[in-house]
């Protein structure tokens, strides 16, 4: 193996390790949130309604759909099935959560973030930063899933 190929392979391994760790962290957050929302759906409906960002008739639909979506995304990330799609949809989801929390803070209201059911904390810098970190992590996993396909192609064609 040439020096250039060896360097490329080592960089890919380091990036792969970081991506795996990030995938697991994102999956744990998604699964924990999904579990807590499915455990107490009435609390989750109440928390969504408190945001006041969606019409009342959609609150129950969101409360039914979101935990299932989160579980599927976590599953896709954990088993590495459709990582690009799972990480991209996760990034969009975390961006929505970030925006919703930022809207509450900028309006001067205080409420529970609703992220983890009865374990949720009041919306503040820490909950907003958590959403932003999960968003950035999802973007990183998405980028790496696209980049990995290109790197494999380079290694097989040279």
C-alpha atoms as a PDB file:
ATOM      1  CA  UNK A   1       0.000   0.000   0.000  1.00  0.00           C
ATOM      2  CA  UNK A   2       1.387   3.393  -0.915  1.00  0.00           C
ATOM      3  CA  UNK A   3       1.966   6.055   1.702  1.00  0.00           C
ATOM      4  CA  UNK A   4      -0.849   8.183   0.298  1.00  0.00           C
ATOM      5  CA  UNK A   5      -3.328   5.292   0.486  1.00  0.00           C
ATOM      6  CA  UNK A   6      -2.186   4.374   4.016  1.00  0.00           C
ATOM      7  CA  UNK A   7      -2.730   7.955   5.180  1.00  0.00           C
ATOM      8  CA  UNK A   8      -6.160   8.034   3.594  1.00  0.00           C
ATOM      9  CA  UNK A   9      -7.113   4.726   5.213  1.00  0.00           C
ATOM     10  CA  UNK A  10      -5.958   5.962   8.667  1.00  0.00           C
ATOM     11  CA  UNK A  11      -7.942   9.184   8.296  1.00  0.00           C
ATOM     12  CA  UNK A  12     -11.002   7.168   7.303  1.00  0.00           C
ATOM     13  CA  UNK A  13     -10.627   4.916  10.362  1.00  0.00           C
ATOM     14  CA  UNK A  14     -10.353   7.913  12.717  1.00  0.00           C
ATOM     15  CA  UNK A  15     -13.376   9.569  11.136  1.00  0.00           C
ATOM     16  CA  UNK A  16     -15.274   6.270  11.247  1.00  0.00           C
ATOM     17  CA  UNK A  17     -14.661   5.968  15.005  1.00  0.00           C
ATOM     18  CA  UNK A  18     -15.880   9.516  15.627  1.00  0.00           C
ATOM     19  CA  UNK A  19     -18.919   8.931  13.427  1.00  0.00           C
ATOM     20  CA  UNK A  20     -19.826   5.718  15.240  1.00  0.00           C
ATOM     21  CA  UNK A  21     -19.630   7.426  18.629  1.00  0.00           C
ATOM     22  CA  UNK A  22     -21.753  10.322  17.369  1.00  0.00           C
ATOM     23  CA  UNK A  23     -24.329   7.949  15.853  1.00  0.00           C
ATOM     24  CA  UNK A  24     -24.670   6.133  19.176  1.00  0.00           C
ATOM     25  CA  UNK A  25     -25.077   9.361  21.181  1.00  0.00           C
ATOM     26  CA  UNK A  26     -27.736  10.672  18.794  1.00  0.00           C
ATOM     27  CA  UNK A  27     -29.526   7.300  18.855  1.00  0.00           C
ATOM     28  CA  UNK A  28     -29.557   7.225  22.658  1.00  0.00           C
ATOM     29  CA  UNK A  29     -31.047  10.738  22.781  1.00  0.00           C
ATOM     30  CA  UNK A  30     -33.699   9.812  20.210  1.00  0.00           C
ATOM     31  CA  UNK A  31     -34.582   6.539  21.950  1.00  0.00           C
ATOM     32  CA  UNK A  32     -34.744   8.132  25.400  1.00  0.00           C
ATOM     33  CA  UNK A  33     -37.007  10.879  24.115  1.00  0.00           C
ATOM     34  CA  UNK A  34     -39.195   8.421  22.221  1.00  0.00           C
ATOM     35  CA  UNK A  35     -39.524   6.149  25.252  1.00  0.00           C
ATOM     36  CA  UNK A  36     -40.444   8.968  27.636  1.00  0.00           C
ATOM     37  CA  UNK A  37     -43.056  10.326  25.211  1.00  0.00           C
ATOM     38  CA  UNK A  38     -44.605   6.910  24.633  1.00  0.00           C
ATOM     39  CA  UNK A  39     -44.577   6.255  28.374  1.00  0.00           C
ATOM     40  CA  UNK A  40     -46.766   9.291  29.073  1.00  0.00           C
ATOM     41  CA  UNK A  41     -48.470  10.478  25.868  1.00  0.00           C
ATOM     42  CA  UNK A  42     -50.835  12.813  27.724  1.00  0.00           C
ATOM     43  CA  UNK A  43     -47.917  14.781  29.170  1.00  0.00           C
ATOM     44  CA  UNK A  44     -46.366  14.932  25.710  1.00  0.00           C
ATOM     45  CA  UNK A  45     -49.577  16.300  24.180  1.00  0.00           C
ATOM     46  CA  UNK A  46     -49.663  18.935  26.921  1.00  0.00           C
ATOM     47  CA  UNK A  47     -46.026  19.886  26.319  1.00  0.00           C
ATOM     48  CA  UNK A  48     -46.547  20.272  22.562  1.00  0.00           C
ATOM     49  CA  UNK A  49     -49.660  22.404  23.160  1.00  0.00           C
ATOM     50  CA  UNK A  50     -47.724  24.670  25.578  1.00  0.00           C
ATOM     51  CA  UNK A  51     -45.388  25.742  22.785  1.00  0.00           C
ATOM     52  CA  UNK A  52     -48.375  27.205  20.928  1.00  0.00           C
ATOM     53  CA  UNK A  53     -46.581  26.867  17.588  1.00  0.00           C
ATOM     54  CA  UNK A  54     -48.922  24.428  15.840  1.00  0.00           C
ATOM     55  CA  UNK A  55     -52.704  24.391  15.389  1.00  0.00           C
ATOM     56  CA  UNK A  56     -54.562  22.593  18.161  1.00  0.00           C
ATOM     57  CA  UNK A  57     -55.922  19.936  15.803  1.00  0.00           C
ATOM     58  CA  UNK A  58     -52.352  18.821  14.925  1.00  0.00           C
ATOM     59  CA  UNK A  59     -51.071  18.419  18.480  1.00  0.00           C
ATOM     60  CA  UNK A  60     -52.361  14.865  18.952  1.00  0.00           C
ATOM     61  CA  UNK A  61     -51.120  13.827  15.502  1.00  0.00           C
ATOM     62  CA  UNK A  62     -47.647  15.149  16.285  1.00  0.00           C
ATOM     63  CA  UNK A  63     -47.676  13.425  19.675  1.00  0.00           C
ATOM     64  CA  UNK A  64     -48.563  10.123  17.992  1.00  0.00           C
ATOM     65  CA  UNK A  65     -46.130  10.422  15.088  1.00  0.00           C
ATOM     66  CA  UNK A  66     -43.012  12.004  16.605  1.00  0.00           C
ATOM     67  CA  UNK A  67     -41.992   9.272  19.106  1.00  0.00           C
ATOM     68  CA  UNK A  68     -42.354   6.607  16.430  1.00  0.00           C
ATOM     69  CA  UNK A  69     -40.288   8.677  13.999  1.00  0.00           C
ATOM     70  CA  UNK A  70     -37.616   9.160  16.657  1.00  0.00           C
ATOM     71  CA  UNK A  71     -37.472   5.411  17.325  1.00  0.00           C
ATOM     72  CA  UNK A  72     -37.133   4.633  13.601  1.00  0.00           C
ATOM     73  CA  UNK A  73     -34.388   7.229  13.182  1.00  0.00           C
ATOM     74  CA  UNK A  74     -32.480   5.819  16.157  1.00  0.00           C
ATOM     75  CA  UNK A  75     -32.858   2.305  14.779  1.00  0.00           C
ATOM     76  CA  UNK A  76     -31.606   3.406  11.360  1.00  0.00           C
ATOM     77  CA  UNK A  77     -28.583   5.088  12.898  1.00  0.00           C
ATOM     78  CA  UNK A  78     -27.763   2.182  15.210  1.00  0.00           C
ATOM     79  CA  UNK A  79     -27.901  -0.558  12.611  1.00  0.00           C
ATOM     80  CA  UNK A  80     -26.394   1.693   9.924  1.00  0.00           C
ATOM     81  CA  UNK A  81     -29.349   1.244   7.590  1.00  0.00           C
ATOM     82  CA  UNK A  82     -29.854   4.334   5.448  1.00  0.00           C
ATOM     83  CA  UNK A  83     -27.533   6.412   7.644  1.00  0.00           C
ATOM     84  CA  UNK A  84     -27.600   9.373   5.261  1.00  0.00           C
ATOM     85  CA  UNK A  85     -31.407   9.587   5.336  1.00  0.00           C
ATOM     86  CA  UNK A  86     -31.646   8.917   9.093  1.00  0.00           C
ATOM     87  CA  UNK A  87     -29.027  11.524   9.945  1.00  0.00           C
ATOM     88  CA  UNK A  88     -30.501  14.106   7.567  1.00  0.00           C
ATOM     89  CA  UNK A  89     -34.030  13.701   8.974  1.00  0.00           C
ATOM     90  CA  UNK A  90     -32.564  13.793  12.514  1.00  0.00           C
ATOM     91  CA  UNK A  91     -30.775  17.043  11.681  1.00  0.00           C
ATOM     92  CA  UNK A  92     -34.034  18.579  10.437  1.00  0.00           C
ATOM     93  CA  UNK A  93     -35.830  17.364  13.563  1.00  0.00           C
ATOM     94  CA  UNK A  94     -33.197  18.853  15.894  1.00  0.00           C
ATOM     95  CA  UNK A  95     -33.279  22.119  13.927  1.00  0.00           C
ATOM     96  CA  UNK A  96     -37.053  22.273  14.485  1.00  0.00           C
ATOM     97  CA  UNK A  97     -36.587  21.564  18.218  1.00  0.00           C
ATOM     98  CA  UNK A  98     -33.880  24.251  18.395  1.00  0.00           C
ATOM     99  CA  UNK A  99     -36.113  26.784  16.618  1.00  0.00           C
ATOM    100  CA  UNK A 100     -39.112  26.001  18.832  1.00  0.00           C
ATOM    101  CA  UNK A 101     -37.069  26.443  22.011  1.00  0.00           C
ATOM    102  CA  UNK A 102     -35.450  29.627  20.735  1.00  0.00           C
ATOM    103  CA  UNK A 103     -38.902  31.009  19.930  1.00  0.00           C
ATOM    104  CA  UNK A 104     -40.018  30.385  23.513  1.00  0.00           C
ATOM    105  CA  UNK A 105     -36.906  32.041  24.961  1.00  0.00           C
ATOM    106  CA  UNK A 106     -37.157  35.073  22.663  1.00  0.00           C
ATOM    107  CA  UNK A 107     -40.830  35.519  23.553  1.00  0.00           C
ATOM    108  CA  UNK A 108     -39.867  35.705  27.233  1.00  0.00           C
ATOM    109  CA  UNK A 109     -41.880  32.634  28.261  1.00  0.00           C
ATOM    110  CA  UNK A 110     -40.680  29.857  30.536  1.00  0.00           C
ATOM    111  CA  UNK A 111     -41.743  26.245  30.220  1.00  0.00           C
ATOM    112  CA  UNK A 112     -40.436  22.701  30.193  1.00  0.00           C
ATOM    113  CA  UNK A 113     -38.675  21.778  26.952  1.00  0.00           C
ATOM    114  CA  UNK A 114     -40.623  18.514  26.699  1.00  0.00           C
ATOM    115  CA  UNK A 115     -37.586  16.702  25.344  1.00  0.00           C
ATOM    116  CA  UNK A 116     -37.681  13.786  27.755  1.00  0.00           C
ATOM    117  CA  UNK A 117     -41.180  13.713  29.197  1.00  0.00           C
ATOM    118  CA  UNK A 118     -41.268  14.111  32.959  1.00  0.00           C
ATOM    119  CA  UNK A 119     -37.453  14.326  33.051  1.00  0.00           C
ATOM    120  CA  UNK A 120     -37.454  17.489  30.953  1.00  0.00           C
ATOM    121  CA  UNK A 121     -35.884  20.700  32.158  1.00  0.00           C
ATOM    122  CA  UNK A 122     -36.978  24.282  31.654  1.00  0.00           C
ATOM    123  CA  UNK A 123     -35.993  25.776  28.333  1.00  0.00           C
ATOM    124  CA  UNK A 124     -32.758  27.678  28.631  1.00  0.00           C
ATOM    125  CA  UNK A 125     -29.265  27.891  27.279  1.00  0.00           C
ATOM    126  CA  UNK A 126     -28.492  24.273  28.205  1.00  0.00           C
ATOM    127  CA  UNK A 127     -31.525  22.783  26.422  1.00  0.00           C
ATOM    128  CA  UNK A 128     -30.973  24.969  23.348  1.00  0.00           C
ATOM    129  CA  UNK A 129     -27.276  24.044  23.287  1.00  0.00           C
ATOM    130  CA  UNK A 130     -28.204  20.357  23.578  1.00  0.00           C
ATOM    131  CA  UNK A 131     -30.463  20.624  20.520  1.00  0.00           C
ATOM    132  CA  UNK A 132     -27.744  22.468  18.624  1.00  0.00           C
ATOM    133  CA  UNK A 133     -25.154  19.814  19.501  1.00  0.00           C
ATOM    134  CA  UNK A 134     -27.480  17.047  18.350  1.00  0.00           C
ATOM    135  CA  UNK A 135     -28.129  18.997  15.148  1.00  0.00           C
ATOM    136  CA  UNK A 136     -24.399  19.431  14.499  1.00  0.00           C
ATOM    137  CA  UNK A 137     -23.759  15.767  15.326  1.00  0.00           C
ATOM    138  CA  UNK A 138     -26.450  14.706  12.862  1.00  0.00           C
ATOM    139  CA  UNK A 139     -24.894  16.944  10.196  1.00  0.00           C
ATOM    140  CA  UNK A 140     -21.497  15.386  10.899  1.00  0.00           C
ATOM    141  CA  UNK A 141     -22.891  11.862  10.526  1.00  0.00           C
ATOM    142  CA  UNK A 142     -24.672  12.895   7.330  1.00  0.00           C
ATOM    143  CA  UNK A 143     -21.504  14.444   5.893  1.00  0.00           C
ATOM    144  CA  UNK A 144     -19.437  11.384   6.817  1.00  0.00           C
ATOM    145  CA  UNK A 145     -21.962   8.990   5.302  1.00  0.00           C
ATOM    146  CA  UNK A 146     -21.695  10.866   2.008  1.00  0.00           C
ATOM    147  CA  UNK A 147     -17.904  11.222   2.259  1.00  0.00           C
ATOM    148  CA  UNK A 148     -17.420   7.543   3.075  1.00  0.00           C
ATOM    149  CA  UNK A 149     -19.048   6.533  -0.190  1.00  0.00           C
ATOM    150  CA  UNK A 150     -16.669   8.809  -2.099  1.00  0.00           C
ATOM    151  CA  UNK A 151     -13.612   7.502  -0.216  1.00  0.00           C
ATOM    152  CA  UNK A 152     -14.533   3.857  -0.868  1.00  0.00           C
ATOM    153  CA  UNK A 153     -14.897   4.708  -4.547  1.00  0.00           C
ATOM    154  CA  UNK A 154     -11.444   6.381  -4.568  1.00  0.00           C
ATOM    155  CA  UNK A 155      -9.785   3.385  -2.871  1.00  0.00           C
ATOM    156  CA  UNK A 156     -11.288   0.885  -5.297  1.00  0.00           C
ATOM    157  CA  UNK A 157     -10.524   2.854  -8.459  1.00  0.00           C
ATOM    158  CA  UNK A 158      -6.878   3.770  -7.781  1.00  0.00           C
END
